[in-house]
Amino acid sequence: MSDTRTKILDVAEDLIQRVGLNAMSYQHISEAVGIRKASIHHHFPKKDDLVDELLERCRLSYDQNYTSIVEGSGTAPEKLHNLAGLFLKGLTSNKVCLIGSMSTDRNTLQEHSCRILEKSIQRTVTTISHVFRQGKEEGSLTFSGSEEEAAYGYISFLIGAQIVARCHGGELWFKKSAQTMIEAFAA
């Protein structure tokens, strides 16, 4: 991937995480990267092309982050803390989860972008469900429903808590609410 293309993706991701997809424009990217808008259109003819590549890049990147936590050592509650830490890191840099941010703009996305978004969420839920399976097996987590339902609830909580904490309560309230959620799952 060319350096210019990577810079465009990096800047676009940063902008979307800070101001949202529909507030981000090629003009913003152009100014931040220091190139003409035509150069952006060369790499990404339509904004939808940029969105799709960002979603794929995010899916791969965060899938690796989630998988390393899930497959790493530690108890299930410790892994839930580590997953929350990823969202806390985003909050401290004033960036919300890209998938969460894009989800709020779902009604303005093209159908192919929605499919990538849904696939990303499903993959994340499937990955995190392994933590809940581990917790059930080791007796450290209790929950009703399936491991997948618990994982869906937990990732939904993390995304929502990150967005709310950004507006009210900040890092302290995010940490407290994550701790409360993990304790609710702990046996």
N, C-alpha and C. Protein backbone atom coordinates (compact mmCIF):
# COMPACT_ATOMS: atom_id res chain seq x y z
N MET A 1 0.85 -1.18 0.00
CA MET A 1 0.00 0.00 0.00
C MET A 1 0.90 1.24 0.00
N SER A 2 0.56 2.21 -0.82
CA SER A 2 1.40 3.40 -0.92
C SER A 2 1.32 4.23 0.35
N ASP A 3 2.37 5.02 0.58
CA ASP A 3 2.39 5.89 1.76
C ASP A 3 1.24 6.88 1.73
N THR A 4 0.94 7.44 0.55
CA THR A 4 -0.16 8.41 0.45
C THR A 4 -1.48 7.74 0.78
N ARG A 5 -1.70 6.56 0.25
CA ARG A 5 -2.94 5.83 0.52
C ARG A 5 -3.07 5.53 2.02
N THR A 6 -1.99 5.12 2.64
CA THR A 6 -2.01 4.84 4.08
C THR A 6 -2.28 6.11 4.87
N LYS A 7 -1.66 7.22 4.49
CA LYS A 7 -1.90 8.50 5.18
C LYS A 7 -3.36 8.90 5.06
N ILE A 8 -3.93 8.73 3.87
CA ILE A 8 -5.35 9.06 3.66
C ILE A 8 -6.21 8.22 4.60
N LEU A 9 -5.95 6.93 4.65
CA LEU A 9 -6.72 6.05 5.53
C LEU A 9 -6.54 6.42 7.00
N ASP A 10 -5.31 6.70 7.40
CA ASP A 10 -5.05 7.07 8.80
C ASP A 10 -5.79 8.35 9.18
N VAL A 11 -5.72 9.35 8.32
CA VAL A 11 -6.38 10.63 8.60
C VAL A 11 -7.90 10.46 8.60
N ALA A 12 -8.41 9.72 7.62
CA ALA A 12 -9.86 9.50 7.55
C ALA A 12 -10.35 8.76 8.80
N GLU A 13 -9.62 7.75 9.23
CA GLU A 13 -10.01 7.01 10.43
C GLU A 13 -10.02 7.93 11.65
N ASP A 14 -8.98 8.72 11.79
CA ASP A 14 -8.90 9.66 12.91
C ASP A 14 -10.08 10.63 12.89
N LEU A 15 -10.37 11.18 11.72
CA LEU A 15 -11.48 12.14 11.61
C LEU A 15 -12.82 11.48 11.96
N ILE A 16 -13.05 10.31 11.42
CA ILE A 16 -14.32 9.62 11.69
C ILE A 16 -14.45 9.31 13.17
N GLN A 17 -13.37 8.90 13.80
CA GLN A 17 -13.43 8.59 15.23
C GLN A 17 -13.63 9.83 16.08
N ARG A 18 -13.18 10.96 15.61
CA ARG A 18 -13.34 12.20 16.39
C ARG A 18 -14.60 12.97 16.05
N VAL A 19 -14.99 13.04 14.76
CA VAL A 19 -16.12 13.90 14.38
C VAL A 19 -17.26 13.14 13.72
N GLY A 20 -17.04 11.89 13.33
CA GLY A 20 -18.08 11.10 12.69
C GLY A 20 -17.93 11.06 11.18
N LEU A 21 -18.50 10.03 10.60
CA LEU A 21 -18.39 9.80 9.17
C LEU A 21 -18.98 10.93 8.35
N ASN A 22 -20.18 11.34 8.68
CA ASN A 22 -20.86 12.34 7.85
C ASN A 22 -20.31 13.75 8.03
N ALA A 23 -19.52 13.98 9.07
CA ALA A 23 -18.88 15.30 9.25
C ALA A 23 -17.51 15.34 8.60
N MET A 24 -16.98 14.18 8.23
CA MET A 24 -15.67 14.09 7.60
C MET A 24 -15.83 14.25 6.09
N SER A 25 -14.94 15.03 5.48
CA SER A 25 -15.00 15.23 4.04
C SER A 25 -13.63 15.03 3.41
N TYR A 26 -13.62 14.89 2.09
CA TYR A 26 -12.35 14.80 1.38
C TYR A 26 -11.56 16.09 1.55
N GLN A 27 -12.23 17.21 1.74
CA GLN A 27 -11.53 18.48 1.97
C GLN A 27 -10.74 18.41 3.28
N HIS A 28 -11.37 17.86 4.33
CA HIS A 28 -10.67 17.70 5.62
C HIS A 28 -9.43 16.82 5.45
N ILE A 29 -9.60 15.72 4.73
CA ILE A 29 -8.48 14.80 4.51
C ILE A 29 -7.38 15.50 3.71
N SER A 30 -7.78 16.20 2.68
CA SER A 30 -6.84 16.92 1.82
C SER A 30 -5.97 17.88 2.63
N GLU A 31 -6.61 18.65 3.49
CA GLU A 31 -5.88 19.62 4.31
C GLU A 31 -4.94 18.93 5.29
N ALA A 32 -5.40 17.84 5.90
CA ALA A 32 -4.58 17.15 6.90
C ALA A 32 -3.39 16.42 6.28
N VAL A 33 -3.59 15.82 5.12
CA VAL A 33 -2.52 15.07 4.46
C VAL A 33 -1.60 16.00 3.67
N GLY A 34 -2.16 17.13 3.22
CA GLY A 34 -1.37 18.06 2.42
C GLY A 34 -1.34 17.70 0.95
N ILE A 35 -2.45 17.17 0.47
CA ILE A 35 -2.57 16.82 -0.94
C ILE A 35 -3.87 17.40 -1.49
N ARG A 36 -3.99 17.39 -2.80
CA ARG A 36 -5.23 17.88 -3.42
C ARG A 36 -6.32 16.82 -3.28
N LYS A 37 -7.57 17.28 -3.32
CA LYS A 37 -8.69 16.34 -3.25
C LYS A 37 -8.65 15.35 -4.41
N ALA A 38 -8.17 15.80 -5.57
CA ALA A 38 -8.08 14.92 -6.73
C ALA A 38 -7.19 13.71 -6.44
N SER A 39 -6.17 13.91 -5.63
CA SER A 39 -5.29 12.79 -5.25
C SER A 39 -6.04 11.77 -4.40
N ILE A 40 -6.91 12.25 -3.55
CA ILE A 40 -7.71 11.34 -2.73
C ILE A 40 -8.65 10.55 -3.63
N HIS A 41 -9.27 11.25 -4.59
CA HIS A 41 -10.18 10.58 -5.52
C HIS A 41 -9.44 9.56 -6.39
N HIS A 42 -8.17 9.77 -6.63
CA HIS A 42 -7.37 8.80 -7.37
C HIS A 42 -7.32 7.47 -6.61
N HIS A 43 -7.12 7.55 -5.31
CA HIS A 43 -7.04 6.35 -4.47
C HIS A 43 -8.41 5.80 -4.10
N PHE A 44 -9.34 6.70 -3.86
CA PHE A 44 -10.70 6.33 -3.43
C PHE A 44 -11.69 7.17 -4.23
N PRO A 45 -12.10 6.68 -5.40
CA PRO A 45 -12.97 7.47 -6.28
C PRO A 45 -14.24 7.98 -5.58
N LYS A 46 -14.81 7.16 -4.69
CA LYS A 46 -16.01 7.57 -3.96
C LYS A 46 -15.75 7.41 -2.46
N LYS A 47 -16.47 8.16 -1.68
CA LYS A 47 -16.35 8.06 -0.23
C LYS A 47 -16.68 6.64 0.23
N ASP A 48 -17.59 5.98 -0.48
CA ASP A 48 -17.94 4.60 -0.15
C ASP A 48 -16.74 3.67 -0.26
N ASP A 49 -15.88 3.92 -1.24
CA ASP A 49 -14.67 3.11 -1.39
C ASP A 49 -13.75 3.28 -0.18
N LEU A 50 -13.64 4.51 0.28
CA LEU A 50 -12.83 4.80 1.46
C LEU A 50 -13.43 4.14 2.70
N VAL A 51 -14.73 4.24 2.86
CA VAL A 51 -15.42 3.64 4.00
C VAL A 51 -15.21 2.13 4.02
N ASP A 52 -15.38 1.48 2.87
CA ASP A 52 -15.21 0.03 2.81
C ASP A 52 -13.80 -0.39 3.21
N GLU A 53 -12.81 0.32 2.70
CA GLU A 53 -11.43 -0.05 3.04
C GLU A 53 -11.13 0.21 4.51
N LEU A 54 -11.67 1.29 5.06
CA LEU A 54 -11.49 1.55 6.49
C LEU A 54 -12.12 0.46 7.34
N LEU A 55 -13.32 0.04 6.96
CA LEU A 55 -13.99 -1.01 7.72
C LEU A 55 -13.22 -2.32 7.66
N GLU A 56 -12.71 -2.66 6.48
CA GLU A 56 -11.92 -3.89 6.35
C GLU A 56 -10.63 -3.79 7.17
N ARG A 57 -9.98 -2.65 7.08
CA ARG A 57 -8.73 -2.45 7.83
C ARG A 57 -8.99 -2.54 9.33
N CYS A 58 -10.06 -1.92 9.77
CA CYS A 58 -10.42 -1.96 11.20
C CYS A 58 -10.74 -3.38 11.63
N ARG A 59 -11.49 -4.09 10.81
CA ARG A 59 -11.86 -5.46 11.13
C ARG A 59 -10.62 -6.32 11.33
N LEU A 60 -9.66 -6.18 10.44
CA LEU A 60 -8.43 -6.96 10.56
C LEU A 60 -7.61 -6.55 11.76
N SER A 61 -7.47 -5.26 11.96
CA SER A 61 -6.65 -4.75 13.05
C SER A 61 -7.23 -5.12 14.41
N TYR A 62 -8.51 -4.84 14.61
CA TYR A 62 -9.10 -5.13 15.91
C TYR A 62 -9.32 -6.60 16.13
N ASP A 63 -9.55 -7.34 15.05
CA ASP A 63 -9.65 -8.78 15.19
C ASP A 63 -8.36 -9.33 15.79
N GLN A 64 -7.23 -8.81 15.34
CA GLN A 64 -5.94 -9.24 15.89
C GLN A 64 -5.82 -8.85 17.37
N ASN A 65 -6.25 -7.62 17.70
CA ASN A 65 -6.19 -7.17 19.09
C ASN A 65 -7.08 -8.02 19.99
N TYR A 66 -8.32 -8.25 19.55
CA TYR A 66 -9.24 -9.06 20.35
C TYR A 66 -8.74 -10.49 20.48
N THR A 67 -8.28 -11.05 19.38
CA THR A 67 -7.81 -12.44 19.39
C THR A 67 -6.61 -12.61 20.32
N SER A 68 -5.69 -11.65 20.32
CA SER A 68 -4.52 -11.79 21.20
C SER A 68 -4.94 -11.76 22.67
N ILE A 69 -5.95 -10.99 23.00
CA ILE A 69 -6.45 -10.99 24.39
C ILE A 69 -7.17 -12.30 24.69
N VAL A 70 -8.07 -12.70 23.80
CA VAL A 70 -8.87 -13.91 24.02
C VAL A 70 -7.99 -15.15 24.11
N GLU A 71 -6.98 -15.24 23.27
CA GLU A 71 -6.11 -16.42 23.26
C GLU A 71 -4.96 -16.32 24.25
N GLY A 72 -4.80 -15.17 24.88
CA GLY A 72 -3.73 -14.98 25.84
C GLY A 72 -4.02 -15.67 27.16
N SER A 73 -3.10 -15.49 28.08
CA SER A 73 -3.27 -16.11 29.39
C SER A 73 -4.16 -15.22 30.26
N GLY A 74 -4.65 -15.80 31.31
CA GLY A 74 -5.47 -15.06 32.26
C GLY A 74 -6.87 -15.65 32.38
N THR A 75 -7.53 -15.26 33.44
CA THR A 75 -8.90 -15.70 33.66
C THR A 75 -9.84 -14.93 32.74
N ALA A 76 -11.05 -15.40 32.63
CA ALA A 76 -12.03 -14.73 31.79
C ALA A 76 -12.30 -13.29 32.28
N PRO A 77 -12.47 -13.05 33.60
CA PRO A 77 -12.66 -11.67 34.05
C PRO A 77 -11.46 -10.77 33.71
N GLU A 78 -10.25 -11.32 33.80
CA GLU A 78 -9.07 -10.53 33.42
C GLU A 78 -9.11 -10.17 31.94
N LYS A 79 -9.55 -11.10 31.13
CA LYS A 79 -9.65 -10.83 29.69
C LYS A 79 -10.73 -9.77 29.41
N LEU A 80 -11.83 -9.82 30.15
CA LEU A 80 -12.85 -8.78 29.99
C LEU A 80 -12.28 -7.41 30.35
N HIS A 81 -11.46 -7.35 31.39
CA HIS A 81 -10.78 -6.11 31.76
C HIS A 81 -9.86 -5.65 30.63
N ASN A 82 -9.12 -6.57 30.05
CA ASN A 82 -8.20 -6.21 28.96
C ASN A 82 -8.95 -5.71 27.74
N LEU A 83 -10.08 -6.32 27.44
CA LEU A 83 -10.90 -5.84 26.32
C LEU A 83 -11.41 -4.43 26.62
N ALA A 84 -11.85 -4.20 27.83
CA ALA A 84 -12.30 -2.86 28.21
C ALA A 84 -11.15 -1.86 28.09
N GLY A 85 -9.93 -2.32 28.36
CA GLY A 85 -8.76 -1.45 28.25
C GLY A 85 -8.56 -0.92 26.84
N LEU A 86 -8.90 -1.71 25.83
CA LEU A 86 -8.80 -1.22 24.44
C LEU A 86 -9.73 -0.04 24.22
N PHE A 87 -10.93 -0.12 24.77
CA PHE A 87 -11.89 0.96 24.62
C PHE A 87 -11.51 2.17 25.47
N LEU A 88 -10.92 1.91 26.63
CA LEU A 88 -10.43 3.01 27.46
C LEU A 88 -9.32 3.77 26.74
N LYS A 89 -8.45 3.04 26.08
CA LYS A 89 -7.36 3.67 25.32
C LYS A 89 -7.93 4.60 24.25
N GLY A 90 -8.96 4.15 23.54
CA GLY A 90 -9.61 5.01 22.55
C GLY A 90 -10.22 6.23 23.18
N LEU A 91 -10.85 6.05 24.33
CA LEU A 91 -11.48 7.17 25.03
C LEU A 91 -10.44 8.19 25.46
N THR A 92 -9.30 7.75 25.96
CA THR A 92 -8.27 8.68 26.42
C THR A 92 -7.68 9.49 25.27
N SER A 93 -7.76 8.96 24.04
CA SER A 93 -7.27 9.72 22.90
C SER A 93 -8.41 10.41 22.15
N ASN A 94 -9.58 10.48 22.79
CA ASN A 94 -10.77 11.16 22.24
C ASN A 94 -11.22 10.56 20.92
N LYS A 95 -11.12 9.24 20.82
CA LYS A 95 -11.56 8.54 19.62
C LYS A 95 -12.49 7.42 20.02
N VAL A 96 -13.66 7.39 19.40
CA VAL A 96 -14.58 6.29 19.67
C VAL A 96 -14.28 5.15 18.71
N CYS A 97 -14.73 3.99 19.06
CA CYS A 97 -14.57 2.80 18.24
C CYS A 97 -15.07 3.09 16.82
N LEU A 98 -14.26 2.78 15.82
CA LEU A 98 -14.64 3.05 14.44
C LEU A 98 -15.92 2.31 14.06
N ILE A 99 -16.04 1.08 14.50
CA ILE A 99 -17.24 0.30 14.21
C ILE A 99 -18.45 0.94 14.90
N GLY A 100 -18.27 1.40 16.13
CA GLY A 100 -19.36 2.08 16.84
C GLY A 100 -19.74 3.37 16.15
N SER A 101 -18.74 4.12 15.74
CA SER A 101 -19.00 5.38 15.05
C SER A 101 -19.72 5.14 13.73
N MET A 102 -19.25 4.17 12.95
CA MET A 102 -19.89 3.86 11.67
C MET A 102 -21.30 3.31 11.87
N SER A 103 -21.50 2.58 12.96
CA SER A 103 -22.84 2.04 13.23
C SER A 103 -23.87 3.15 13.43
N THR A 104 -23.44 4.25 14.02
CA THR A 104 -24.39 5.35 14.21
C THR A 104 -24.79 5.98 12.89
N ASP A 105 -23.95 5.80 11.87
CA ASP A 105 -24.24 6.35 10.54
C ASP A 105 -24.74 5.27 9.57
N ARG A 106 -25.16 4.14 10.09
CA ARG A 106 -25.55 3.01 9.26
C ARG A 106 -26.57 3.38 8.19
N ASN A 107 -27.53 4.20 8.51
CA ASN A 107 -28.58 4.54 7.55
C ASN A 107 -28.08 5.34 6.36
N THR A 108 -26.86 5.84 6.45
CA THR A 108 -26.30 6.59 5.32
C THR A 108 -25.24 5.80 4.57
N LEU A 109 -24.97 4.57 5.01
CA LEU A 109 -23.98 3.72 4.36
C LEU A 109 -24.61 2.96 3.20
N GLN A 110 -23.79 2.63 2.22
CA GLN A 110 -24.22 1.77 1.12
C GLN A 110 -24.37 0.34 1.64
N GLU A 111 -25.14 -0.45 0.94
CA GLU A 111 -25.42 -1.82 1.38
C GLU A 111 -24.15 -2.64 1.56
N HIS A 112 -23.19 -2.52 0.65
CA HIS A 112 -21.95 -3.30 0.78
C HIS A 112 -21.18 -2.89 2.03
N SER A 113 -21.22 -1.60 2.38
CA SER A 113 -20.56 -1.14 3.60
C SER A 113 -21.27 -1.71 4.82
N CYS A 114 -22.59 -1.76 4.77
CA CYS A 114 -23.35 -2.34 5.88
C CYS A 114 -23.01 -3.81 6.08
N ARG A 115 -22.82 -4.54 4.98
CA ARG A 115 -22.45 -5.96 5.10
C ARG A 115 -21.08 -6.11 5.76
N ILE A 116 -20.12 -5.26 5.39
CA ILE A 116 -18.80 -5.32 6.02
C ILE A 116 -18.92 -4.99 7.51
N LEU A 117 -19.70 -3.99 7.83
CA LEU A 117 -19.92 -3.58 9.21
C LEU A 117 -20.54 -4.73 10.01
N GLU A 118 -21.57 -5.34 9.46
CA GLU A 118 -22.22 -6.46 10.15
C GLU A 118 -21.27 -7.64 10.33
N LYS A 119 -20.47 -7.92 9.30
CA LYS A 119 -19.49 -9.00 9.37
C LYS A 119 -18.45 -8.71 10.47
N SER A 120 -18.04 -7.47 10.58
CA SER A 120 -17.08 -7.08 11.60
C SER A 120 -17.65 -7.28 13.00
N ILE A 121 -18.88 -6.86 13.17
CA ILE A 121 -19.52 -7.01 14.49
C ILE A 121 -19.69 -8.48 14.82
N GLN A 122 -20.15 -9.28 13.86
CA GLN A 122 -20.33 -10.71 14.10
C GLN A 122 -19.01 -11.39 14.44
N ARG A 123 -17.95 -11.03 13.74
CA ARG A 123 -16.64 -11.62 14.01
C ARG A 123 -16.17 -11.25 15.43
N THR A 124 -16.39 -10.01 15.81
CA THR A 124 -16.01 -9.57 17.15
C THR A 124 -16.79 -10.33 18.21
N VAL A 125 -18.09 -10.46 18.01
CA VAL A 125 -18.93 -11.19 18.96
C VAL A 125 -18.46 -12.64 19.06
N THR A 126 -18.19 -13.27 17.93
CA THR A 126 -17.72 -14.65 17.94
C THR A 126 -16.40 -14.78 18.70
N THR A 127 -15.49 -13.85 18.46
CA THR A 127 -14.20 -13.90 19.15
C THR A 127 -14.37 -13.72 20.66
N ILE A 128 -15.14 -12.74 21.06
CA ILE A 128 -15.33 -12.46 22.49
C ILE A 128 -16.14 -13.56 23.17
N SER A 129 -16.97 -14.27 22.42
CA SER A 129 -17.76 -15.35 23.02
C SER A 129 -16.85 -16.43 23.62
N HIS A 130 -15.63 -16.55 23.10
CA HIS A 130 -14.68 -17.53 23.66
C HIS A 130 -14.31 -17.19 25.10
N VAL A 131 -14.30 -15.90 25.44
CA VAL A 131 -14.02 -15.50 26.82
C VAL A 131 -15.16 -15.96 27.72
N PHE A 132 -16.38 -15.81 27.25
CA PHE A 132 -17.52 -16.23 28.06
C PHE A 132 -17.59 -17.76 28.18
N ARG A 133 -17.20 -18.47 27.12
CA ARG A 133 -17.12 -19.92 27.20
C ARG A 133 -16.07 -20.32 28.23
N GLN A 134 -14.91 -19.65 28.19
CA GLN A 134 -13.85 -19.93 29.17
C GLN A 134 -14.36 -19.65 30.58
N GLY A 135 -15.04 -18.52 30.75
CA GLY A 135 -15.56 -18.16 32.06
C GLY A 135 -16.56 -19.16 32.60
N LYS A 136 -17.38 -19.70 31.72
CA LYS A 136 -18.35 -20.71 32.14
C LYS A 136 -17.62 -21.99 32.54
N GLU A 137 -16.62 -22.38 31.74
CA GLU A 137 -15.86 -23.61 32.03
C GLU A 137 -15.05 -23.50 33.30
N GLU A 138 -14.44 -22.34 33.55
CA GLU A 138 -13.62 -22.20 34.76
C GLU A 138 -14.45 -21.76 35.96
N GLY A 139 -15.72 -21.46 35.74
CA GLY A 139 -16.60 -21.07 36.84
C GLY A 139 -16.41 -19.64 37.30
N SER A 140 -15.78 -18.80 36.47
CA SER A 140 -15.51 -17.41 36.89
C SER A 140 -16.55 -16.41 36.37
N LEU A 141 -17.41 -16.83 35.44
CA LEU A 141 -18.45 -15.96 34.90
C LEU A 141 -19.79 -16.70 34.92
N THR A 142 -20.83 -15.96 35.23
CA THR A 142 -22.18 -16.51 35.14
C THR A 142 -23.02 -15.55 34.31
N PHE A 143 -23.89 -16.12 33.51
CA PHE A 143 -24.77 -15.31 32.66
C PHE A 143 -25.87 -16.22 32.14
N SER A 144 -26.98 -15.60 31.80
CA SER A 144 -28.05 -16.38 31.18
C SER A 144 -27.88 -16.26 29.67
N GLY A 145 -28.44 -17.21 28.96
CA GLY A 145 -28.31 -17.18 27.51
C GLY A 145 -27.00 -17.81 27.08
N SER A 146 -26.71 -17.66 25.80
CA SER A 146 -25.52 -18.28 25.23
C SER A 146 -24.28 -17.40 25.43
N GLU A 147 -23.12 -17.99 25.18
CA GLU A 147 -21.87 -17.23 25.23
C GLU A 147 -21.90 -16.10 24.20
N GLU A 148 -22.48 -16.38 23.04
CA GLU A 148 -22.56 -15.36 21.99
C GLU A 148 -23.45 -14.19 22.42
N GLU A 149 -24.55 -14.49 23.08
CA GLU A 149 -25.44 -13.42 23.57
C GLU A 149 -24.74 -12.57 24.63
N ALA A 150 -23.99 -13.22 25.51
CA ALA A 150 -23.25 -12.48 26.53
C ALA A 150 -22.17 -11.61 25.88
N ALA A 151 -21.48 -12.15 24.88
CA ALA A 151 -20.45 -11.39 24.17
C ALA A 151 -21.06 -10.20 23.44
N TYR A 152 -22.22 -10.40 22.83
CA TYR A 152 -22.91 -9.32 22.13
C TYR A 152 -23.26 -8.20 23.14
N GLY A 153 -23.76 -8.61 24.28
CA GLY A 153 -24.08 -7.64 25.31
C GLY A 153 -22.85 -6.89 25.80
N TYR A 154 -21.75 -7.60 25.96
CA TYR A 154 -20.54 -6.97 26.47
C TYR A 154 -19.93 -5.99 25.47
N ILE A 155 -19.84 -6.37 24.19
CA ILE A 155 -19.27 -5.46 23.21
C ILE A 155 -20.20 -4.26 23.01
N SER A 156 -21.51 -4.49 23.07
CA SER A 156 -22.46 -3.38 22.97
C SER A 156 -22.28 -2.42 24.14
N PHE A 157 -22.08 -2.98 25.32
CA PHE A 157 -21.83 -2.15 26.50
C PHE A 157 -20.56 -1.32 26.31
N LEU A 158 -19.48 -1.95 25.88
CA LEU A 158 -18.21 -1.23 25.73
C LEU A 158 -18.32 -0.07 24.75
N ILE A 159 -18.95 -0.32 23.62
CA ILE A 159 -19.11 0.74 22.62
C ILE A 159 -19.98 1.86 23.19
N GLY A 160 -21.10 1.50 23.78
CA GLY A 160 -22.00 2.50 24.35
C GLY A 160 -21.37 3.27 25.50
N ALA A 161 -20.68 2.56 26.38
CA ALA A 161 -20.04 3.22 27.52
C ALA A 161 -18.96 4.18 27.05
N GLN A 162 -18.24 3.81 26.00
CA GLN A 162 -17.21 4.69 25.47
C GLN A 162 -17.83 5.97 24.92
N ILE A 163 -18.91 5.85 24.19
CA ILE A 163 -19.58 7.02 23.62
C ILE A 163 -20.14 7.92 24.72
N VAL A 164 -20.80 7.31 25.70
CA VAL A 164 -21.39 8.11 26.79
C VAL A 164 -20.30 8.76 27.63
N ALA A 165 -19.25 8.01 27.95
CA ALA A 165 -18.16 8.56 28.78
C ALA A 165 -17.46 9.71 28.07
N ARG A 166 -17.45 9.69 26.77
CA ARG A 166 -16.85 10.78 26.01
C ARG A 166 -17.60 12.09 26.26
N CYS A 167 -18.91 11.96 26.48
CA CYS A 167 -19.74 13.15 26.72
C CYS A 167 -19.95 13.45 28.19
N HIS A 168 -19.89 12.41 29.02
CA HIS A 168 -20.15 12.61 30.44
C HIS A 168 -19.40 11.58 31.27
N GLY A 169 -18.57 12.05 32.15
CA GLY A 169 -17.91 11.17 33.10
C GLY A 169 -16.48 10.79 32.76
N GLY A 170 -16.14 10.79 31.50
CA GLY A 170 -14.78 10.51 31.09
C GLY A 170 -14.25 9.16 31.51
N GLU A 171 -12.93 9.11 31.63
CA GLU A 171 -12.23 7.85 31.91
C GLU A 171 -12.67 7.22 33.23
N LEU A 172 -12.84 8.05 34.26
CA LEU A 172 -13.21 7.52 35.57
C LEU A 172 -14.52 6.76 35.51
N TRP A 173 -15.53 7.35 34.88
CA TRP A 173 -16.82 6.68 34.82
C TRP A 173 -16.79 5.49 33.88
N PHE A 174 -16.00 5.56 32.84
CA PHE A 174 -15.86 4.38 31.98
C PHE A 174 -15.27 3.23 32.79
N LYS A 175 -14.20 3.50 33.53
CA LYS A 175 -13.56 2.45 34.34
C LYS A 175 -14.54 1.88 35.36
N LYS A 176 -15.28 2.78 36.04
CA LYS A 176 -16.24 2.31 37.05
C LYS A 176 -17.35 1.47 36.42
N SER A 177 -17.86 1.92 35.29
CA SER A 177 -18.95 1.17 34.67
C SER A 177 -18.45 -0.17 34.12
N ALA A 178 -17.24 -0.20 33.56
CA ALA A 178 -16.68 -1.47 33.08
C ALA A 178 -16.48 -2.43 34.25
N GLN A 179 -15.97 -1.92 35.36
CA GLN A 179 -15.79 -2.77 36.54
C GLN A 179 -17.13 -3.31 37.03
N THR A 180 -18.14 -2.48 37.04
CA THR A 180 -19.48 -2.91 37.47
C THR A 180 -20.01 -4.01 36.55
N MET A 181 -19.83 -3.83 35.25
CA MET A 181 -20.30 -4.83 34.28
C MET A 181 -19.57 -6.15 34.47
N ILE A 182 -18.26 -6.10 34.64
CA ILE A 182 -17.47 -7.32 34.81
C ILE A 182 -17.86 -8.02 36.10
N GLU A 183 -18.07 -7.26 37.16
CA GLU A 183 -18.50 -7.85 38.44
C GLU A 183 -19.88 -8.49 38.31
N ALA A 184 -20.73 -7.92 37.46
CA ALA A 184 -22.06 -8.51 37.26
C ALA A 184 -21.95 -9.89 36.60
N PHE A 185 -20.95 -10.07 35.75
CA PHE A 185 -20.72 -11.37 35.12
C PHE A 185 -19.96 -12.34 36.03
N ALA A 186 -19.18 -11.81 36.98
CA ALA A 186 -18.34 -12.66 37.82
C ALA A 186 -19.20 -13.50 38.75
N ALA A 187 -18.77 -14.73 38.90
CA ALA A 187 -19.54 -15.66 39.75
C ALA A 187 -19.25 -15.43 41.21
